[in-house]
Amino acid sequence: MVISVVLTTLLWLYVMVIENPDSTQTIRNVPVSYTGEEILAAKNLEIIENITGTVEFTFNGRLTDLNKLDNKNVRAMVDVSGISQPGIVTRVYEPDFPDNLKGTSLSAIASNPRYVQLLVDSIITKVIEVRLVPNIEPAEGYITGQYALEHREVRIVGPSTILDLIEYAEITLNRNDVSLPIDTLQPFKYKDFEGNEIPGDNIDSEYQEIRVYVPILKLKEVRLDVRFLDGGGITSEDNIYYEIDPPSIVLSGEASVMDGVNTITLQTIDLSKLENSGSIEFPIPLPNDCTNLSGETTAVVKIDIVGAQILKLRTPYIEIVNEDLPEGYTIRTTMNEAEVIIRGPENIVVSVEPHNIRVVIDLTNQTLSPGHSLYPAAVYIDGFPRVGAVGDLNVAVEVVPIDMERDMQ
């Protein structure tokens, strides 16, 4: 048996090395490759599909050379540089050997099929819309704000038959239990008019990913309030009861902003200008970078004044101070008495007499000219600190020549 194995080996070596006969061999499933693609691209054309698929070659040559061939080192080469129109084209192909087998005894004596068919398409450019599908579930007490895309359009280049089907690019963003803003780069998919996905294998895009920003906003119920400026014989602590409708609103905003917002002050109400109980409507001012989710843009403040009485008195004590008169002129009031409204505790305000009231017209920094003018006046109630004047008082004064004033006297 040992002798037989040795003899068989020697015979094989003799045939392979010394005789090395010619033979044939068929290589199947040979892949197709292309030359001249850069020339094709310059014509705005591209090979979309090799319709034929793989091919097979039958080679003739020395047995030692044939044994080195397989479908991993043999290719079918197609020159596509001469293609000038889109469509299905037929082209011949040639075998391509590894460098170490070029110039050997190998030759292709048959190929199957004889030609390959290629699908060629025109290359076009198209700009499509980018859409976001935000599947975002905010944490409790939060909502999503208006998202922003770094690019709302994307320019794509590819075969016309494919790009004609594409309607838009879609980004799907999935997040759960989110309490912080989302800032991320996301890939996108191509979709047709009905929302079906279009493969992007043959498409070049100016962007591979697009930045998406989604603010996550905190919700907060914020109380509405007003401030009072004491005056007119009353104080907010002793004489004012008030209600606000609505008492609060719901705001949304960045958590860093909302954490600092606890109350919205509608207005400061000067009690010296408020004569009677009643209702006042104010616009609701919003803090910067906040959104009002409640919908109300105004609030009504209902005010009740208690523990105070109003009286109207006439006083002849009218003073003009700090007047800067033109030379040769004097100034006088055109009324002998001024009617004032005063307010205070009922048991006190009734004791005020006209001689306790002074009306003072301060003309500091006023430019005076001959004739009649109205000027604001301040009211002082001497000896009654808990009583004050209510409302605005304007007094008419007249600038007249000194001679005229003397004649009238």
Protein backbone atom coordinates (compact mmCIF):
# COMPACT_ATOMS: atom_id res chain seq x y z
CA MET A 1 0.00 0.00 0.00
CA VAL A 2 2.83 2.36 0.81
CA ILE A 3 4.47 1.58 -2.53
CA SER A 4 1.15 2.27 -4.33
CA VAL A 5 0.75 5.70 -2.66
CA VAL A 6 4.31 6.63 -3.54
CA LEU A 7 3.88 5.56 -7.15
CA THR A 8 0.61 7.49 -7.44
CA THR A 9 2.23 10.65 -6.06
CA LEU A 10 5.16 10.34 -8.42
CA LEU A 11 2.80 9.90 -11.37
CA TRP A 12 0.81 13.02 -10.38
CA LEU A 13 4.01 15.04 -10.04
CA TYR A 14 5.14 13.86 -13.45
CA VAL A 15 1.88 14.89 -15.11
CA MET A 16 1.64 18.24 -13.33
CA VAL A 17 5.23 19.40 -13.40
CA ILE A 18 6.83 17.68 -16.34
CA GLU A 19 3.96 17.17 -18.75
CA ASN A 20 1.68 20.06 -17.49
CA PRO A 21 -0.97 19.41 -20.14
CA ASP A 22 -3.45 21.93 -21.56
CA SER A 23 -6.97 21.69 -20.25
CA THR A 24 -10.20 23.67 -19.89
CA GLN A 25 -12.04 24.93 -16.85
CA THR A 26 -15.32 26.81 -16.36
CA ILE A 27 -15.48 29.52 -13.69
CA ARG A 28 -19.05 30.36 -12.66
CA ASN A 29 -20.57 33.32 -10.71
CA VAL A 30 -17.95 35.77 -11.94
CA PRO A 31 -18.78 39.35 -10.80
CA VAL A 32 -19.07 42.22 -13.30
CA SER A 33 -16.96 45.37 -12.92
CA TYR A 34 -16.78 48.56 -14.99
CA THR A 35 -14.22 50.84 -16.55
CA GLY A 36 -14.93 54.37 -17.82
CA GLU A 37 -17.37 55.25 -15.03
CA GLU A 38 -15.83 58.71 -14.60
CA ILE A 39 -16.54 59.44 -18.30
CA LEU A 40 -20.10 58.21 -17.79
CA ALA A 41 -20.53 60.46 -14.75
CA ALA A 42 -19.35 63.47 -16.79
CA LYS A 43 -22.38 62.84 -19.02
CA ASN A 44 -24.65 62.88 -15.92
CA LEU A 45 -25.28 59.16 -16.32
CA GLU A 46 -24.93 56.32 -13.84
CA ILE A 47 -25.30 52.54 -13.85
CA ILE A 48 -28.20 51.73 -11.58
CA GLU A 49 -28.35 47.98 -11.95
CA ASN A 50 -26.57 45.07 -13.59
CA ILE A 51 -29.61 43.24 -14.92
CA THR A 52 -27.63 40.19 -16.03
CA GLY A 53 -25.94 39.56 -12.69
CA THR A 54 -22.88 37.28 -12.67
CA VAL A 55 -21.42 35.52 -15.73
CA GLU A 56 -19.26 32.47 -16.41
CA PHE A 57 -16.09 31.92 -18.41
CA THR A 58 -14.55 28.78 -19.89
CA PHE A 59 -10.78 29.05 -19.95
CA ASN A 60 -8.12 27.04 -21.78
CA GLY A 61 -4.54 26.81 -20.58
CA ARG A 62 -1.94 24.89 -18.69
CA LEU A 63 -3.38 22.86 -15.86
CA THR A 64 -1.21 24.59 -13.26
CA ASP A 65 -2.52 28.01 -14.39
CA LEU A 66 -6.14 26.86 -14.52
CA ASN A 67 -5.93 25.59 -10.98
CA LYS A 68 -5.17 29.13 -9.79
CA LEU A 69 -8.48 30.55 -11.11
CA ASP A 70 -11.69 31.07 -9.16
CA ASN A 71 -14.54 33.61 -9.07
CA LYS A 72 -12.72 35.64 -6.45
CA ASN A 73 -9.78 36.61 -8.64
CA VAL A 74 -11.47 36.68 -12.04
CA ARG A 75 -13.73 39.58 -13.05
CA ALA A 76 -15.81 40.42 -16.09
CA MET A 77 -14.82 43.93 -17.20
CA VAL A 78 -17.29 46.15 -19.09
CA ASP A 79 -16.24 49.44 -20.71
CA VAL A 80 -19.14 51.88 -20.09
CA SER A 81 -17.43 55.04 -21.38
CA GLY A 82 -19.27 54.85 -24.71
CA ILE A 83 -22.78 54.90 -23.22
CA SER A 84 -24.51 58.19 -24.03
CA GLN A 85 -28.21 57.66 -23.24
CA PRO A 86 -30.20 56.39 -20.25
CA GLY A 87 -32.07 53.11 -20.54
CA ILE A 88 -31.22 49.41 -20.81
CA VAL A 89 -27.98 48.93 -22.72
CA THR A 90 -26.18 45.78 -23.89
CA ARG A 91 -22.41 45.55 -23.61
CA VAL A 92 -19.69 42.97 -24.26
CA TYR A 93 -17.32 42.05 -21.49
CA GLU A 94 -13.79 40.69 -21.20
CA PRO A 95 -12.10 38.57 -18.53
CA ASP A 96 -9.66 40.23 -16.19
CA PHE A 97 -7.02 38.07 -14.49
CA PRO A 98 -4.83 38.71 -11.48
CA ASP A 99 -1.49 40.30 -12.34
CA ASN A 100 0.40 37.04 -11.67
CA LEU A 101 -1.64 35.23 -14.36
CA LYS A 102 -1.45 37.85 -17.06
CA GLY A 103 0.80 36.75 -19.91
CA THR A 104 0.34 33.07 -19.13
CA SER A 105 -1.22 30.40 -21.32
CA LEU A 106 -4.73 31.25 -20.14
CA SER A 107 -7.37 32.35 -22.64
CA ALA A 108 -11.13 32.57 -22.56
CA ILE A 109 -12.69 30.26 -25.15
CA ALA A 110 -16.32 30.82 -24.16
CA SER A 111 -18.49 33.05 -22.00
CA ASN A 112 -22.10 32.81 -20.92
CA PRO A 113 -24.05 34.91 -21.60
CA ARG A 114 -22.35 36.62 -24.49
CA TYR A 115 -23.43 40.11 -23.32
CA VAL A 116 -24.49 41.84 -20.14
CA GLN A 117 -27.46 44.16 -19.82
CA LEU A 118 -27.12 47.32 -17.72
CA LEU A 119 -29.75 49.77 -16.51
CA VAL A 120 -28.43 53.31 -17.00
CA ASP A 121 -30.19 56.40 -15.67
CA SER A 122 -29.76 60.18 -15.84
CA ILE A 123 -28.32 61.88 -12.76
CA ILE A 124 -30.35 64.87 -11.52
CA THR A 125 -30.34 67.24 -8.54
CA LYS A 126 -33.38 67.81 -6.36
CA VAL A 127 -34.11 69.85 -3.22
CA ILE A 128 -36.55 68.19 -0.81
CA GLU A 129 -38.20 69.20 2.46
CA VAL A 130 -36.99 67.77 5.77
CA ARG A 131 -39.77 66.69 8.15
CA LEU A 132 -39.54 65.63 11.77
CA VAL A 133 -41.70 62.93 13.38
CA PRO A 134 -41.30 63.69 17.11
CA ASN A 135 -42.28 60.62 19.13
CA ILE A 136 -41.41 62.35 22.40
CA GLU A 137 -42.97 61.61 25.77
CA PRO A 138 -42.10 64.43 28.22
CA ALA A 139 -41.76 63.77 31.93
CA GLU A 140 -44.68 64.69 34.17
CA GLY A 141 -45.06 68.46 34.44
CA TYR A 142 -43.31 69.13 31.13
CA ILE A 143 -44.34 69.65 27.51
CA THR A 144 -42.46 69.82 24.23
CA GLY A 145 -41.87 73.21 22.65
CA GLN A 146 -41.57 74.13 18.98
CA TYR A 147 -38.79 72.06 17.48
CA ALA A 148 -36.08 73.49 15.24
CA LEU A 149 -34.17 71.82 12.41
CA GLU A 150 -30.71 73.02 11.46
CA HIS A 151 -31.69 72.46 7.81
CA ARG A 152 -35.29 72.37 6.63
CA GLU A 153 -34.27 71.37 3.10
CA VAL A 154 -31.65 69.02 1.73
CA ARG A 155 -30.14 68.83 -1.75
CA ILE A 156 -29.81 65.32 -3.16
CA VAL A 157 -28.20 63.96 -6.34
CA GLY A 158 -29.07 60.66 -7.94
CA PRO A 159 -30.87 58.74 -10.71
CA SER A 160 -33.94 60.51 -12.02
CA THR A 161 -36.12 57.39 -11.77
CA ILE A 162 -35.41 57.26 -8.03
CA LEU A 163 -35.41 60.97 -7.25
CA ASP A 164 -38.72 61.43 -9.07
CA LEU A 165 -40.29 59.16 -6.43
CA ILE A 166 -38.86 61.02 -3.43
CA GLU A 167 -41.18 63.58 -1.85
CA TYR A 168 -39.35 64.46 1.39
CA ALA A 169 -36.73 63.40 3.94
CA GLU A 170 -38.02 62.19 7.30
CA ILE A 171 -36.33 62.21 10.70
CA THR A 172 -37.91 60.09 13.42
CA LEU A 173 -37.01 61.09 16.97
CA ASN A 174 -37.97 58.69 19.78
CA ARG A 175 -37.58 59.77 23.42
CA ASN A 176 -39.36 58.89 26.70
CA ASP A 177 -39.62 60.59 30.11
CA VAL A 178 -37.75 63.70 28.92
CA SER A 179 -37.20 66.70 31.21
CA LEU A 180 -34.21 68.33 29.47
CA PRO A 181 -33.98 69.98 26.02
CA ILE A 182 -33.05 67.62 23.17
CA ASP A 183 -30.13 68.63 20.97
CA THR A 184 -29.00 65.83 18.67
CA LEU A 185 -27.74 64.91 15.19
CA GLN A 186 -30.09 62.53 13.43
CA PRO A 187 -30.00 60.58 10.13
CA PHE A 188 -32.98 60.72 7.80
CA LYS A 189 -34.84 58.46 5.40
CA TYR A 190 -36.30 59.24 2.00
CA LYS A 191 -40.08 58.95 1.64
CA ASP A 192 -42.46 59.01 -1.32
CA PHE A 193 -45.77 60.87 -1.50
CA GLU A 194 -47.55 58.13 0.46
CA GLY A 195 -44.89 57.86 3.13
CA ASN A 196 -43.22 54.72 1.82
CA GLU A 197 -39.46 54.50 2.30
CA ILE A 198 -37.23 54.87 -0.77
CA PRO A 199 -33.78 53.21 -0.44
CA GLY A 200 -30.94 55.72 -0.63
CA ASP A 201 -28.19 53.42 -1.93
CA ASN A 202 -27.64 55.37 -5.17
CA ILE A 203 -28.29 58.84 -3.73
CA ASP A 204 -25.72 61.43 -2.70
CA SER A 205 -26.86 64.02 -0.14
CA GLU A 206 -25.21 67.25 0.98
CA TYR A 207 -25.93 66.18 4.59
CA GLN A 208 -25.81 62.76 6.18
CA GLU A 209 -27.28 63.95 9.49
CA ILE A 210 -29.28 66.99 10.53
CA ARG A 211 -29.23 68.71 13.92
CA VAL A 212 -32.58 68.66 15.74
CA TYR A 213 -33.40 70.85 18.75
CA VAL A 214 -36.57 70.25 20.77
CA PRO A 215 -37.13 72.46 23.83
CA ILE A 216 -38.65 70.66 26.80
CA LEU A 217 -40.72 73.22 28.68
CA LYS A 218 -41.72 73.17 32.32
CA LEU A 219 -45.35 73.81 33.27
CA LYS A 220 -46.14 76.00 36.27
CA GLU A 221 -49.26 77.58 37.74
CA VAL A 222 -48.37 81.15 38.68
CA ARG A 223 -50.42 83.39 40.98
CA LEU A 224 -51.55 86.84 39.83
CA ASP A 225 -51.28 89.78 42.23
CA VAL A 226 -51.27 93.58 42.45
CA ARG A 227 -49.31 96.03 44.57
CA PHE A 228 -50.88 98.96 46.39
CA LEU A 229 -49.33 102.35 47.07
CA ASP A 230 -50.84 103.67 50.29
CA GLY A 231 -52.39 107.14 50.11
CA GLY A 232 -55.62 109.09 50.01
CA GLY A 233 -56.29 108.32 53.67
CA ILE A 234 -56.25 104.52 53.33
CA THR A 235 -53.74 101.66 53.40
CA SER A 236 -53.83 98.29 51.69
CA GLU A 237 -53.43 96.54 55.04
CA ASP A 238 -56.34 98.25 56.83
CA ASN A 239 -58.79 99.30 54.15
CA ILE A 240 -58.49 97.08 51.07
CA TYR A 241 -59.99 93.71 50.22
CA TYR A 242 -59.47 92.47 46.70
CA GLU A 243 -59.95 89.48 44.41
CA ILE A 244 -58.38 88.74 41.04
CA ASP A 245 -60.09 86.84 38.25
CA PRO A 246 -58.43 84.62 37.18
CA PRO A 247 -56.37 84.19 40.34
CA SER A 248 -53.60 82.38 38.43
CA ILE A 249 -52.50 81.26 34.98
CA VAL A 250 -50.44 78.33 33.69
CA LEU A 251 -47.11 79.21 32.08
CA SER A 252 -44.58 77.17 30.16
CA GLY A 253 -40.91 77.88 29.63
CA GLU A 254 -37.38 76.61 30.11
CA ALA A 255 -36.98 75.10 33.58
CA SER A 256 -34.23 77.59 34.43
CA VAL A 257 -36.68 80.44 33.71
CA MET A 258 -39.77 78.92 35.31
CA ASP A 259 -37.99 78.12 38.58
CA GLY A 260 -37.64 81.86 39.19
CA VAL A 261 -41.27 82.77 38.39
CA ASN A 262 -43.69 82.49 41.32
CA THR A 263 -45.96 85.55 41.02
CA ILE A 264 -46.99 87.92 38.24
CA THR A 265 -47.70 91.47 39.42
CA LEU A 266 -50.35 93.04 37.21
CA GLN A 267 -49.93 96.66 38.28
CA THR A 268 -49.19 99.02 41.17
CA ILE A 269 -52.40 100.78 42.22
CA ASP A 270 -52.05 104.23 43.78
CA LEU A 271 -54.78 104.34 46.42
CA SER A 272 -54.74 108.14 46.40
CA LYS A 273 -56.15 107.95 42.86
CA LEU A 274 -58.78 105.33 43.70
CA GLU A 275 -61.96 107.06 44.82
CA ASN A 276 -64.44 104.19 45.11
CA SER A 277 -64.68 100.44 45.29
CA GLY A 278 -64.96 98.75 41.91
CA SER A 279 -63.29 96.58 39.30
CA ILE A 280 -60.25 97.36 37.17
CA GLU A 281 -59.08 95.31 34.19
CA PHE A 282 -55.35 94.93 33.60
CA PRO A 283 -53.35 93.20 30.87
CA ILE A 284 -51.38 90.20 32.13
CA PRO A 285 -47.65 90.86 31.61
CA LEU A 286 -45.65 87.74 30.84
CA PRO A 287 -42.09 87.10 32.04
CA ASN A 288 -39.50 86.91 29.29
CA ASP A 289 -39.28 83.57 27.47
CA CYS A 290 -42.57 82.30 28.91
CA THR A 291 -45.80 81.29 27.18
CA ASN A 292 -49.30 81.70 28.65
CA LEU A 293 -51.10 78.37 28.19
CA SER A 294 -54.29 79.45 29.96
CA GLY A 295 -55.42 81.78 27.18
CA GLU A 296 -56.43 84.77 29.31
CA THR A 297 -54.67 87.97 28.33
CA THR A 298 -56.32 90.24 30.93
CA ALA A 299 -57.32 89.93 34.57
CA VAL A 300 -60.02 91.80 36.52
CA VAL A 301 -59.17 93.10 40.00
CA LYS A 302 -62.24 93.65 42.19
CA ILE A 303 -61.43 96.10 45.00
CA ASP A 304 -63.50 96.83 48.12
CA ILE A 305 -62.58 99.88 50.22
CA VAL A 306 -63.67 99.48 53.85
CA GLY A 307 -63.32 101.49 57.06
CA ALA A 308 -63.05 104.91 55.37
CA GLN A 309 -65.36 107.78 54.48
CA ILE A 310 -65.15 110.31 51.69
CA LEU A 311 -66.04 113.99 52.05
CA LYS A 312 -66.00 116.90 49.62
CA LEU A 313 -64.89 120.25 51.01
CA ARG A 314 -64.17 123.65 49.54
CA THR A 315 -61.15 125.56 50.74
CA PRO A 316 -59.96 129.10 49.95
CA TYR A 317 -56.38 128.30 50.97
CA ILE A 318 -54.63 128.12 47.61
CA GLU A 319 -50.89 128.79 47.33
CA ILE A 320 -48.62 129.25 44.34
CA VAL A 321 -44.95 128.51 44.96
CA ASN A 322 -41.69 128.60 42.98
CA GLU A 323 -43.06 130.62 40.11
CA ASP A 324 -40.62 132.06 37.58
CA LEU A 325 -42.55 134.98 36.11
CA PRO A 326 -41.68 137.09 33.09
CA GLU A 327 -40.58 140.61 34.04
CA GLY A 328 -43.53 142.95 34.65
CA TYR A 329 -46.04 140.14 35.26
CA THR A 330 -47.72 138.63 38.27
CA ILE A 331 -49.71 135.46 38.77
CA ARG A 332 -53.03 134.68 40.39
CA THR A 333 -55.59 131.89 40.64
CA THR A 334 -58.82 132.32 38.77
CA MET A 335 -60.89 130.67 41.51
CA ASN A 336 -61.54 131.77 45.05
CA GLU A 337 -62.01 128.24 46.35
CA ALA A 338 -60.94 124.77 45.33
CA GLU A 339 -63.11 121.71 45.84
CA VAL A 340 -61.16 118.77 47.23
CA ILE A 341 -62.09 115.18 48.02
CA ILE A 342 -60.71 113.85 51.27
CA ARG A 343 -60.90 110.41 52.86
CA GLY A 344 -60.08 108.85 56.19
CA PRO A 345 -61.58 107.00 59.15
CA GLU A 346 -65.19 108.07 59.60
CA ASN A 347 -64.72 109.37 63.14
CA ILE A 348 -61.75 111.48 62.04
CA VAL A 349 -62.55 112.77 58.57
CA VAL A 350 -65.70 114.55 59.81
CA SER A 351 -63.55 116.77 62.01
CA VAL A 352 -61.61 118.27 59.10
CA GLU A 353 -62.41 121.93 58.44
CA PRO A 354 -61.60 124.00 55.30
CA HIS A 355 -58.84 125.87 57.16
CA ASN A 356 -57.04 122.53 57.69
CA ILE A 357 -56.68 122.10 53.93
CA ARG A 358 -53.99 123.70 51.79
CA VAL A 359 -53.89 123.51 48.00
CA VAL A 360 -50.35 124.10 46.73
CA ILE A 361 -49.44 124.71 43.09
CA ASP A 362 -45.73 124.08 42.60
CA LEU A 363 -44.49 125.76 39.42
CA THR A 364 -40.88 124.57 39.66
CA ASN A 365 -39.38 124.21 36.14
CA GLN A 366 -42.60 125.52 34.56
CA THR A 367 -42.20 128.09 31.76
CA LEU A 368 -44.87 130.70 32.33
CA SER A 369 -46.40 132.94 29.68
CA PRO A 370 -49.24 135.47 29.81
CA GLY A 371 -52.72 133.96 29.86
CA HIS A 372 -54.67 131.18 31.54
CA SER A 373 -53.25 127.70 32.23
CA LEU A 374 -54.15 124.62 34.26
CA TYR A 375 -51.55 123.16 36.61
CA PRO A 376 -51.67 120.14 38.94
CA ALA A 377 -51.97 120.94 42.61
CA ALA A 378 -51.07 119.01 45.74
CA VAL A 379 -53.45 118.87 48.69
CA TYR A 380 -52.17 118.94 52.26
CA ILE A 381 -54.39 118.29 55.30
CA ASP A 382 -52.69 119.78 58.30
CA GLY A 383 -53.17 118.12 61.70
CA PHE A 384 -54.80 114.95 60.36
CA PRO A 385 -52.14 112.42 59.33
CA ARG A 386 -54.72 109.65 58.77
CA VAL A 387 -56.72 111.72 56.30
CA GLY A 388 -55.66 112.18 52.70
CA ALA A 389 -56.79 113.73 49.44
CA VAL A 390 -58.25 111.54 46.72
CA GLY A 391 -57.89 111.96 42.96
CA ASP A 392 -56.16 114.59 40.87
CA LEU A 393 -56.74 118.30 41.31
CA ASN A 394 -55.94 120.87 38.61
CA VAL A 395 -56.15 124.57 39.31
CA ALA A 396 -56.43 127.36 36.74
CA VAL A 397 -53.98 130.24 37.10
CA GLU A 398 -53.51 133.43 35.12
CA VAL A 399 -50.33 135.34 34.36
CA VAL A 400 -51.20 139.06 34.01
CA PRO A 401 -49.27 142.35 33.74
CA ILE A 402 -48.63 143.99 37.11
CA ASP A 403 -50.50 147.17 36.02
CA MET A 404 -53.60 145.18 35.21
CA GLU A 405 -53.49 143.46 38.59
CA ARG A 406 -53.15 146.88 40.29
CA ASP A 407 -56.11 148.30 38.35
CA MET A 408 -58.30 145.34 39.31
CA GLN A 409 -57.53 145.90 42.92
